[in-house]
Protein backbone atom coordinates (compact mmCIF):
# COMPACT_ATOMS: atom_id res chain seq x y z
CA UNK A 1 86.63 95.19 104.88
CA UNK A 2 88.88 92.13 104.73
CA UNK A 3 87.20 91.05 101.49
CA UNK A 4 88.42 94.09 99.56
CA UNK A 5 91.77 95.25 98.18
CA UNK A 6 91.37 99.03 98.34
CA UNK A 7 89.74 101.46 100.76
CA UNK A 8 88.65 104.81 99.28
CA UNK A 9 87.25 107.76 101.22
CA UNK A 10 87.10 110.98 99.17
CA UNK A 11 86.02 113.28 102.00
CA UNK A 12 85.77 117.04 101.81
CA UNK A 13 86.46 117.26 105.54
CA UNK A 14 87.56 114.67 108.06
CA UNK A 15 88.64 114.93 111.67
CA UNK A 16 90.78 111.88 112.42
CA UNK A 17 89.27 109.28 110.14
CA UNK A 18 89.83 106.23 112.33
CA UNK A 19 88.33 104.18 109.54
CA UNK A 20 91.68 104.52 107.73
CA UNK A 21 93.45 102.82 110.64
CA UNK A 22 90.83 100.07 110.57
CA UNK A 23 91.23 99.63 106.81
CA UNK A 24 95.02 99.55 107.13
CA UNK A 25 94.79 96.80 109.74
CA UNK A 26 92.77 94.82 107.16
CA UNK A 27 95.70 95.09 104.70
CA UNK A 28 93.89 97.45 102.32
CA UNK A 29 95.56 99.99 100.07
CA UNK A 30 94.36 103.42 101.18
CA UNK A 31 93.16 106.26 98.95
CA UNK A 32 91.89 109.45 100.55
CA UNK A 33 91.66 113.16 100.13
CA UNK A 34 94.30 115.52 101.45
CA UNK A 35 92.15 116.99 104.22
CA UNK A 36 92.20 117.02 108.00
CA UNK A 37 93.16 113.85 109.80
CA UNK A 38 93.44 111.81 106.61
CA UNK A 39 96.61 113.65 105.65
CA UNK A 40 97.99 112.94 109.13
CA UNK A 41 97.61 109.19 108.58
CA UNK A 42 98.63 108.80 104.95
CA UNK A 43 102.05 109.64 103.57
CA UNK A 44 101.32 109.93 99.87
CA UNK A 45 102.90 107.15 97.85
CA UNK A 46 104.24 105.40 100.95
CA UNK A 47 101.28 103.96 102.84
CA UNK A 48 98.47 105.24 100.65
CA UNK A 49 97.56 107.84 98.08
CA UNK A 50 96.28 111.34 98.75
CA UNK A 51 94.30 113.35 96.23
CA UNK A 52 92.95 116.90 96.41
CA UNK A 53 89.32 117.19 97.52
CA UNK A 54 86.73 117.70 94.80
CA UNK A 55 89.12 116.49 92.10
CA UNK A 56 87.51 113.49 90.38
CA UNK A 57 90.30 113.27 87.79
CA UNK A 58 92.99 112.93 90.48
CA UNK A 59 90.86 110.37 92.31
CA UNK A 60 90.42 108.41 89.08
CA UNK A 61 94.18 108.45 88.42
CA UNK A 62 94.92 107.21 91.95
CA UNK A 63 92.39 104.40 91.63
CA UNK A 64 93.72 103.35 88.23
CA UNK A 65 97.22 103.22 89.73
CA UNK A 66 96.26 100.92 92.63
CA UNK A 67 93.90 98.76 90.57
CA UNK A 68 96.32 98.13 87.70
CA UNK A 69 99.51 97.61 89.70
CA UNK A 70 99.13 94.72 92.19
CA UNK A 71 102.70 95.04 93.50
CA UNK A 72 102.25 98.76 94.20
CA UNK A 73 98.89 98.08 95.84
CA UNK A 74 100.43 95.36 98.03
CA UNK A 75 103.33 97.61 99.07
CA UNK A 76 100.94 100.42 100.02
CA UNK A 77 98.79 98.02 102.03
CA UNK A 78 101.78 96.46 103.78
CA UNK A 79 103.21 99.85 104.71
CA UNK A 80 99.81 101.06 105.94
CA UNK A 81 99.41 97.91 108.05
CA UNK A 82 102.87 98.30 109.59
CA UNK A 83 102.24 101.94 110.48
CA UNK A 84 98.75 101.29 111.88
CA UNK A 85 99.97 98.35 113.94
CA UNK A 86 102.76 100.50 115.38
CA UNK A 87 100.81 103.72 115.96
CA UNK A 88 97.37 102.42 116.92
CA UNK A 89 98.16 99.22 118.81
CA UNK A 90 96.38 98.56 122.07
CA UNK A 91 99.70 98.43 123.91
CA UNK A 92 100.65 101.89 122.66
CA UNK A 93 97.30 103.31 123.73
CA UNK A 94 97.68 101.73 127.17
CA UNK A 95 101.19 103.16 127.55
CA UNK A 96 100.00 106.62 126.54
CA UNK A 97 97.12 106.43 129.01
CA UNK A 98 99.51 105.38 131.79
CA UNK A 99 101.70 108.36 130.96
CA UNK A 100 98.75 110.76 131.15
CA UNK A 101 97.78 109.40 134.57
CA UNK A 102 101.40 109.51 135.78
CA UNK A 103 101.67 113.18 134.76
CA UNK A 104 98.42 114.01 136.56
CA UNK A 105 99.44 112.28 139.80
CA UNK A 106 99.86 114.88 142.52
CA UNK A 107 103.17 115.02 144.34
CA UNK A 108 103.05 113.13 147.63
């Protein structure tokens, strides 16, 4: 992934789509369909572009936008990287896991 500029996944259905987090951490501009977990990770126009599923014209427009505007592409990639680093960092996962265990600890 680090050799590319854009990551595109035009899914019809997607649970979480952890591949978007991986692509964001590689500083790629994200383009995905507005389905399932993809829409939970991408804020359209902020850290990526969302298009309706099964809409090749909308997908084409989104790709033209990120391919022809390097500054826009960079800003999307930077924003996606910042969000992924914040939300999917190892330290955050560890802290969440600690919290789950703390909540499950029986009263002594």
